[in-house]
Amino acid sequence: MAKKKSDPGTSPQDGADAAPTAERETGAGEAAVGERAVGERAGGERAGGEATTDTAAGDATVNRQLLRSMLLQRRFEERTAEAYALGKIGGFCHLYIGQEAVSTGSLSLLRPDDYVITTYRDHGQALARGINPRNLMAELFGRSDGVARGKGGSMHFFDRDTNFLGGHGIVGGHVPLAAGVGFAIKYRGGDQVIICFMGESVVNTGAFHEALNMAGLWKLPCVFIIENNRYGMGTALERASAIHDIYERGAAYNMAREQCDGQDVYAVRKTVGEAIARARTEYLPTLIEIRTYRFMGHSMSDAVSGTYRSKAELEEHLKRDPIVLLRMRMQEAGEITDEELQALDDEIKAVVQDAWDFADQSPEPALESLYEDVLVDTTS
């Protein structure tokens, strides 16, 4: 059950003069830029499906789409860990295993012309948004066919075709950018939304407070999602935050705020779906705390357990694996058989192996590319 504070009050200053004042027209604004299959760059198909808007549990077609997305993220991340151990991936690398219901539940509700921005733990969200696994794996391998031409790496996925705006390594640094995108949407009179993912440690940064204050003051179509996996690197939330229900921080900005179970993909879809509707139809932001748990360490250099969390704690959370929960629901409803599940898993493993092979064969960036994409000509 989601905790909810969805009706912020109003004041005579609502819609301050500093805010963009363009009136909304349904369907107005920029044309969708995500309609072309991203996989065309790599000769494959777009990995994600069309956005689904029915948030009611029990729809067999929706369930299968969600299960496929979550399984793809899990198998991709497992092979990423393997590639990192083999030295094919360098630098920092943060896996998303255990949190797949957050990305899948949230991004399955977006339109192609909506926007997404996130932190350095971006692999799962990029896959859920529909970016081709080939180009993502190539980016991890540092190859020229990667989404950032091999120069961004694990923490800096970016894809213009799906309005996926990163992948940002500075904790909290992307939150003001999300507010800026929301401002631009409203200024242009569009009806898009932006989802901004962040970890729970972000709420203690100044950029978080400044960005949410502006979003609340100017009424921007932003959905701010805190993926609360309990640990900011190795520091437990209760050791770092004066309040533990951190969604309540939205009250300081006159903003709708909610909390939900991040291991239940349908709880995520229900809560995020309401926030998206609020942003799209009323230009109102929402702060959502989604309580989840990462099954791996903070990064590939971090122990899975035994340092700041116990093996017993980890094993207790593994009992609520989001993929297992959805699979059990589907099997109990007679929506998928063991044979169909195995076939789906085999298909996804083949997709990930194809991504690995593609990345392995992709050329490394030319030395002169160091001087490319540094400056851009503008018309403003």
Protein backbone atom coordinates (compact mmCIF):
# COMPACT_ATOMS: atom_id res chain seq x y z
CA MET A 1 0.00 0.00 0.00
CA ALA A 2 1.44 3.34 -1.00
CA LYS A 3 1.61 6.14 1.51
CA LYS A 4 0.28 9.27 -0.13
CA LYS A 5 0.21 13.00 0.28
CA SER A 6 -1.12 13.93 -3.14
CA ASP A 7 -2.96 17.21 -2.69
CA PRO A 8 -0.60 20.10 -2.07
CA GLY A 9 -2.22 23.28 -0.87
CA THR A 10 -2.49 26.46 -2.88
CA SER A 11 -1.47 29.99 -2.09
CA PRO A 12 -1.87 33.39 -3.75
CA GLN A 13 1.71 33.02 -5.01
CA ASP A 14 1.06 29.79 -6.91
CA GLY A 15 2.16 30.21 -10.52
CA ALA A 16 4.58 33.02 -9.71
CA ASP A 17 5.45 35.48 -12.45
CA ALA A 18 8.88 33.94 -12.84
CA ALA A 19 7.32 30.72 -14.08
CA PRO A 20 6.67 29.91 -17.76
CA THR A 21 3.08 30.80 -18.60
CA ALA A 22 2.36 29.00 -21.86
CA GLU A 23 -1.09 27.37 -21.85
CA ARG A 24 -1.32 23.65 -22.47
CA GLU A 25 -2.84 22.23 -25.62
CA THR A 26 -3.29 18.48 -25.81
CA GLY A 27 -0.61 17.05 -28.07
CA ALA A 28 1.17 20.39 -28.39
CA GLY A 29 4.87 20.91 -28.02
CA GLU A 30 7.82 19.21 -29.61
CA ALA A 31 7.33 16.31 -31.94
CA ALA A 32 8.22 12.90 -30.57
CA VAL A 33 11.89 12.16 -31.11
CA GLY A 34 11.88 8.58 -29.88
CA GLU A 35 9.78 6.95 -32.57
CA ARG A 36 12.67 5.61 -34.67
CA ALA A 37 13.95 2.31 -33.40
CA VAL A 38 17.18 2.95 -31.56
CA GLY A 39 18.47 -0.41 -32.68
CA GLU A 40 18.74 0.81 -36.26
CA ARG A 41 22.23 2.05 -35.41
CA ALA A 42 23.29 -1.46 -34.55
CA GLY A 43 21.13 -3.35 -36.98
CA GLY A 44 18.80 -4.65 -34.26
CA GLU A 45 15.33 -3.95 -32.95
CA ARG A 46 14.44 -1.59 -30.18
CA ALA A 47 14.67 -3.55 -26.95
CA GLY A 48 11.74 -2.04 -25.09
CA GLY A 49 8.07 -2.24 -25.97
CA GLU A 50 5.44 0.42 -26.39
CA ALA A 51 4.37 2.24 -23.27
CA THR A 52 1.46 0.58 -21.52
CA THR A 53 -1.07 2.71 -19.69
CA ASP A 54 -3.28 0.10 -17.99
CA THR A 55 -1.91 -0.09 -14.44
CA ALA A 56 -4.39 -2.71 -13.19
CA ALA A 57 -2.79 -6.00 -12.22
CA GLY A 58 -3.91 -9.13 -13.96
CA ASP A 59 -3.47 -8.17 -17.62
CA ALA A 60 -1.56 -11.09 -19.10
CA THR A 61 -0.13 -9.10 -22.00
CA VAL A 62 1.15 -6.32 -19.75
CA ASN A 63 2.54 -8.85 -17.30
CA ARG A 64 4.56 -10.54 -20.00
CA GLN A 65 5.95 -7.22 -21.23
CA LEU A 66 6.98 -6.27 -17.71
CA LEU A 67 8.53 -9.67 -17.03
CA ARG A 68 10.52 -9.50 -20.25
CA SER A 69 11.89 -6.06 -19.42
CA MET A 70 12.89 -7.08 -15.91
CA LEU A 71 14.52 -10.32 -17.08
CA LEU A 72 16.45 -8.45 -19.76
CA GLN A 73 17.86 -6.08 -17.16
CA ARG A 74 18.80 -8.94 -14.83
CA ARG A 75 20.57 -11.02 -17.50
CA PHE A 76 22.29 -7.96 -18.94
CA GLU A 77 23.65 -6.99 -15.54
CA GLU A 78 24.82 -10.52 -14.80
CA ARG A 79 26.85 -10.54 -18.00
CA THR A 80 28.09 -7.03 -17.23
CA ALA A 81 29.53 -8.32 -13.95
CA GLU A 82 31.18 -11.15 -15.87
CA ALA A 83 32.67 -8.77 -18.44
CA TYR A 84 33.96 -6.50 -15.69
CA ALA A 85 35.69 -9.43 -13.99
CA LEU A 86 37.33 -10.33 -17.32
CA GLY A 87 38.66 -6.81 -17.77
CA LYS A 88 36.46 -5.94 -20.74
CA ILE A 89 34.85 -3.10 -18.75
CA GLY A 90 36.90 -0.56 -16.82
CA GLY A 91 36.24 2.27 -14.44
CA PHE A 92 33.30 2.48 -12.07
CA CYS A 93 30.40 0.09 -12.63
CA HIS A 94 27.18 0.03 -10.57
CA LEU A 95 24.74 -2.83 -11.10
CA TYR A 96 20.94 -2.57 -10.89
CA ILE A 97 20.18 -6.13 -9.79
CA GLY A 98 17.24 -6.19 -7.37
CA GLN A 99 15.76 -2.84 -8.40
CA GLU A 100 14.28 -3.84 -11.78
CA ALA A 101 10.65 -3.27 -10.76
CA VAL A 102 11.39 0.43 -10.25
CA SER A 103 12.70 1.10 -13.75
CA THR A 104 10.24 -1.24 -15.45
CA GLY A 105 7.17 -0.08 -13.58
CA SER A 106 7.98 3.60 -14.04
CA LEU A 107 9.19 3.72 -17.62
CA SER A 108 6.54 1.36 -19.00
CA LEU A 109 4.09 4.24 -18.53
CA LEU A 110 5.96 6.87 -20.54
CA ARG A 111 5.38 8.02 -24.11
CA PRO A 112 8.26 8.12 -26.60
CA ASP A 113 8.43 11.93 -26.35
CA ASP A 114 8.74 11.99 -22.56
CA TYR A 115 12.12 12.40 -20.88
CA VAL A 116 14.25 10.38 -18.47
CA ILE A 117 17.30 11.44 -16.47
CA THR A 118 19.12 9.41 -13.85
CA THR A 119 22.23 8.76 -11.79
CA TYR A 120 25.26 6.58 -12.48
CA ARG A 121 23.28 3.36 -11.78
CA ASP A 122 21.71 3.68 -15.21
CA HIS A 123 21.95 0.33 -17.03
CA GLY A 124 18.53 -0.99 -16.05
CA GLN A 125 16.73 2.25 -16.78
CA ALA A 126 18.36 2.54 -20.20
CA LEU A 127 17.17 -0.96 -21.08
CA ALA A 128 13.69 -0.29 -19.70
CA ARG A 129 13.50 2.86 -21.83
CA GLY A 130 14.13 0.74 -24.92
CA ILE A 131 17.74 1.51 -25.86
CA ASN A 132 19.33 -1.29 -27.85
CA PRO A 133 21.38 -3.67 -25.66
CA ARG A 134 24.06 -3.81 -28.38
CA ASN A 135 24.82 -0.11 -28.10
CA LEU A 136 24.72 -0.20 -24.31
CA MET A 137 27.14 -3.11 -24.07
CA ALA A 138 29.41 -1.43 -26.62
CA GLU A 139 29.46 1.66 -24.42
CA LEU A 140 30.41 -0.45 -21.42
CA PHE A 141 33.24 -1.96 -23.48
CA GLY A 142 34.41 1.54 -24.46
CA ARG A 143 33.73 1.01 -28.16
CA SER A 144 32.77 3.48 -30.87
CA ASP A 145 29.32 1.90 -31.44
CA GLY A 146 28.33 2.73 -27.87
CA VAL A 147 25.56 5.19 -27.05
CA ALA A 148 28.20 7.79 -26.16
CA ARG A 149 30.69 6.58 -28.78
CA GLY A 150 32.64 4.74 -26.10
CA LYS A 151 33.56 7.89 -24.18
CA GLY A 152 30.91 7.82 -21.46
CA GLY A 153 31.15 4.34 -20.06
CA SER A 154 28.95 2.76 -17.43
CA MET A 155 27.91 5.95 -15.64
CA HIS A 156 27.09 8.09 -18.65
CA PHE A 157 24.58 6.39 -20.90
CA PHE A 158 22.81 8.90 -23.14
CA ASP A 159 20.44 8.49 -26.06
CA ARG A 160 18.80 11.35 -27.89
CA ASP A 161 16.40 9.10 -29.80
CA THR A 162 14.66 7.99 -26.61
CA ASN A 163 15.09 11.27 -24.70
CA PHE A 164 17.34 9.45 -22.24
CA LEU A 165 19.39 12.34 -20.84
CA GLY A 166 21.97 10.41 -18.77
CA GLY A 167 23.63 8.81 -16.67
CA HIS A 168 25.27 11.40 -14.32
CA GLY A 169 28.18 10.69 -12.01
CA ILE A 170 27.84 13.67 -9.63
CA VAL A 171 25.46 12.83 -6.78
CA GLY A 172 22.46 15.13 -7.12
CA GLY A 173 23.98 17.11 -10.00
CA HIS A 174 21.30 16.00 -12.46
CA VAL A 175 18.27 17.03 -10.36
CA PRO A 176 18.43 20.73 -11.41
CA LEU A 177 18.72 19.55 -15.02
CA ALA A 178 15.44 17.68 -14.60
CA ALA A 179 13.81 20.87 -13.32
CA GLY A 180 15.22 22.67 -16.35
CA VAL A 181 13.69 20.13 -18.71
CA GLY A 182 10.38 20.53 -16.90
CA PHE A 183 10.64 24.30 -17.31
CA ALA A 184 11.32 23.91 -21.04
CA ILE A 185 8.32 21.59 -21.48
CA LYS A 186 6.00 24.08 -19.79
CA TYR A 187 7.50 27.10 -21.55
CA ARG A 188 6.87 25.46 -24.93
CA GLY A 189 3.33 24.45 -24.01
CA GLY A 190 4.01 20.72 -24.31
CA ASP A 191 2.37 17.89 -22.41
CA GLN A 192 5.45 15.72 -21.90
CA VAL A 193 6.81 14.78 -18.49
CA ILE A 194 10.28 14.06 -17.18
CA ILE A 195 11.09 11.29 -14.73
CA CYS A 196 14.17 11.97 -12.61
CA PHE A 197 15.63 8.98 -10.75
CA MET A 198 17.96 9.41 -7.80
CA GLY A 199 19.29 7.49 -4.81
CA GLU A 200 18.23 8.29 -1.25
CA SER A 201 21.57 9.96 -0.47
CA VAL A 202 20.73 12.71 -2.97
CA VAL A 203 18.12 14.20 -0.63
CA ASN A 204 20.89 15.57 1.59
CA THR A 205 22.44 17.68 -1.17
CA GLY A 206 21.80 21.34 -1.83
CA ALA A 207 21.01 20.78 -5.50
CA PHE A 208 18.08 18.54 -4.52
CA HIS A 209 16.49 21.22 -2.35
CA GLU A 210 17.03 24.03 -4.83
CA ALA A 211 15.64 22.04 -7.75
CA LEU A 212 12.56 20.80 -5.90
CA ASN A 213 11.85 24.27 -4.57
CA MET A 214 11.83 25.66 -8.11
CA ALA A 215 9.72 22.75 -9.40
CA GLY A 216 7.18 23.34 -6.64
CA LEU A 217 7.18 27.12 -7.04
CA TRP A 218 6.93 27.13 -10.81
CA LYS A 219 4.71 24.03 -11.07
CA LEU A 220 6.84 21.94 -13.41
CA PRO A 221 5.86 18.56 -14.94
CA CYS A 222 8.54 16.58 -13.09
CA VAL A 223 8.29 13.20 -11.39
CA PHE A 224 11.16 12.92 -8.91
CA ILE A 225 11.75 9.29 -7.94
CA ILE A 226 13.95 8.41 -4.97
CA GLU A 227 15.16 4.82 -5.30
CA ASN A 228 15.66 4.16 -1.61
CA ASN A 229 17.79 1.01 -1.45
CA ARG A 230 18.72 1.87 2.17
CA TYR A 231 22.43 2.55 1.61
CA GLY A 232 24.28 5.55 0.23
CA MET A 233 27.40 3.62 -0.71
CA GLY A 234 27.96 1.96 2.69
CA THR A 235 26.04 4.37 4.91
CA ALA A 236 22.57 3.33 6.10
CA LEU A 237 19.79 5.88 5.64
CA GLU A 238 19.07 6.13 9.37
CA ARG A 239 22.66 7.24 9.96
CA ALA A 240 22.43 10.04 7.42
CA SER A 241 18.89 11.46 7.41
CA ALA A 242 17.01 13.10 10.27
CA ILE A 243 13.75 11.64 8.92
CA HIS A 244 13.36 8.12 7.55
CA ASP A 245 10.18 8.64 5.49
CA ILE A 246 12.09 10.81 3.08
CA TYR A 247 9.16 11.34 0.72
CA GLU A 248 7.86 13.74 3.40
CA ARG A 249 10.54 16.21 2.32
CA GLY A 250 8.21 17.14 -0.52
CA ALA A 251 6.02 18.96 2.02
CA ALA A 252 8.63 21.72 2.22
CA TYR A 253 7.97 22.52 -1.43
CA ASN A 254 4.15 22.31 -1.42
CA MET A 255 4.54 19.18 -3.56
CA ALA A 256 2.55 15.96 -3.83
CA ARG A 257 4.51 13.14 -2.23
CA GLU A 258 4.07 9.40 -2.06
CA GLN A 259 5.83 6.21 -0.99
CA CYS A 260 5.49 2.70 -2.42
CA ASP A 261 6.95 -0.81 -2.46
CA GLY A 262 9.73 -0.99 -5.03
CA GLN A 263 9.73 -4.79 -5.22
CA ASP A 264 6.13 -4.87 -6.52
CA VAL A 265 6.08 -3.69 -10.12
CA TYR A 266 2.35 -2.95 -9.97
CA ALA A 267 2.66 -0.84 -6.84
CA VAL A 268 5.29 1.16 -8.73
CA ARG A 269 3.06 1.51 -11.79
CA LYS A 270 0.08 2.67 -9.74
CA THR A 271 2.02 5.31 -7.81
CA VAL A 272 4.09 6.58 -10.74
CA GLY A 273 1.07 6.50 -13.06
CA GLU A 274 -0.78 8.92 -10.80
CA ALA A 275 2.22 11.22 -10.69
CA ILE A 276 2.62 11.16 -14.48
CA ALA A 277 -1.05 12.06 -14.94
CA ARG A 278 -0.68 14.92 -12.45
CA ALA A 279 2.37 16.26 -14.31
CA ARG A 280 0.87 15.82 -17.77
CA THR A 281 -2.53 17.38 -17.11
CA GLU A 282 -1.84 19.90 -14.35
CA TYR A 283 1.87 20.77 -14.60
CA LEU A 284 2.35 19.60 -11.02
CA PRO A 285 5.49 17.84 -9.72
CA THR A 286 5.58 14.82 -7.39
CA LEU A 287 8.22 13.40 -5.07
CA ILE A 288 8.05 9.60 -4.80
CA GLU A 289 10.07 7.44 -2.44
CA ILE A 290 10.24 3.90 -3.82
CA ARG A 291 11.63 1.50 -1.24
CA THR A 292 13.77 -1.12 -2.92
CA TYR A 293 16.98 -3.07 -2.29
CA ARG A 294 20.09 -3.74 -4.33
CA PHE A 295 21.24 -7.35 -4.29
CA MET A 296 24.81 -6.43 -5.24
CA GLY A 297 27.35 -4.12 -3.66
CA HIS A 298 27.32 -0.39 -4.29
CA SER A 299 29.75 -0.92 -7.15
CA MET A 300 31.84 -3.76 -8.51
CA SER A 301 34.55 -2.94 -5.95
CA ASP A 302 32.13 -3.27 -3.03
CA ALA A 303 31.46 -6.52 -1.16
CA VAL A 304 27.95 -7.92 -1.50
CA SER A 305 27.69 -8.41 2.27
CA GLY A 306 29.80 -8.71 5.38
CA THR A 307 30.88 -5.09 5.73
CA TYR A 308 28.04 -2.63 6.33
CA ARG A 309 25.21 -5.15 5.90
CA SER A 310 24.96 -8.74 7.04
CA LYS A 311 24.46 -11.84 4.95
CA ALA A 312 21.26 -12.50 6.90
CA GLU A 313 19.86 -9.08 5.92
CA LEU A 314 20.66 -9.71 2.28
CA GLU A 315 19.08 -13.16 2.31
CA GLU A 316 15.92 -11.76 3.86
CA HIS A 317 15.56 -9.20 1.05
CA LEU A 318 16.31 -11.84 -1.61
CA LYS A 319 13.01 -13.47 -0.62
CA ARG A 320 11.28 -10.52 -2.29
CA ASP A 321 13.06 -10.61 -5.62
CA PRO A 322 10.82 -8.45 -7.88
CA ILE A 323 11.18 -10.82 -10.83
CA VAL A 324 10.21 -13.84 -8.72
CA LEU A 325 7.20 -11.99 -7.30
CA LEU A 326 5.87 -11.16 -10.77
CA ARG A 327 6.64 -14.63 -12.10
CA MET A 328 4.74 -16.25 -9.22
CA ARG A 329 1.76 -13.97 -9.81
CA MET A 330 1.70 -14.92 -13.48
CA GLN A 331 2.04 -18.64 -12.78
CA GLU A 332 -0.71 -18.58 -10.16
CA ALA A 333 -2.98 -16.83 -12.68
CA GLY A 334 -2.13 -19.38 -15.37
CA GLU A 335 -0.55 -16.72 -17.58
CA ILE A 336 2.77 -18.45 -18.17
CA THR A 337 3.99 -22.03 -17.99
CA ASP A 338 7.40 -23.27 -16.92
CA GLU A 339 8.18 -24.06 -20.55
CA GLU A 340 7.20 -20.57 -21.71
CA LEU A 341 9.23 -19.00 -18.94
CA GLN A 342 12.29 -21.02 -19.93
CA ALA A 343 11.81 -20.07 -23.59
CA LEU A 344 11.57 -16.39 -22.65
CA ASP A 345 14.70 -16.61 -20.51
CA ASP A 346 16.60 -18.39 -23.30
CA GLU A 347 15.52 -15.70 -25.78
CA ILE A 348 16.74 -12.94 -23.49
CA LYS A 349 20.05 -14.68 -22.83
CA ALA A 350 20.55 -14.86 -26.61
CA VAL A 351 19.84 -11.12 -26.91
CA VAL A 352 22.44 -10.37 -24.24
CA GLN A 353 24.99 -12.71 -25.82
CA ASP A 354 24.41 -10.95 -29.14
CA ALA A 355 25.05 -7.62 -27.41
CA TRP A 356 28.31 -8.99 -25.98
CA ASP A 357 29.44 -10.27 -29.39
CA PHE A 358 28.52 -6.98 -31.05
CA ALA A 359 30.46 -4.98 -28.44
CA ASP A 360 33.47 -7.28 -28.71
CA GLN A 361 33.62 -6.71 -32.48
CA SER A 362 32.99 -2.98 -32.35
CA PRO A 363 36.12 -0.86 -32.99
CA GLU A 364 37.73 1.22 -30.28
CA PRO A 365 37.35 5.00 -30.71
CA ALA A 366 40.02 6.59 -32.88
CA LEU A 367 42.60 8.65 -31.03
CA GLU A 368 41.49 11.85 -32.75
CA SER A 369 37.97 11.39 -31.34
CA LEU A 370 39.34 12.79 -28.09
CA TYR A 371 38.97 16.22 -29.69
CA GLU A 372 35.44 15.60 -31.01
CA ASP A 373 32.20 16.48 -29.22
CA VAL A 374 33.96 19.02 -27.01
CA LEU A 375 32.25 22.14 -28.38
CA VAL A 376 29.06 22.54 -30.38
CA ASP A 377 27.93 25.29 -32.72
CA THR A 378 24.71 26.93 -31.57
CA THR A 379 22.28 29.38 -33.13
CA SER A 380 21.33 31.15 -29.90
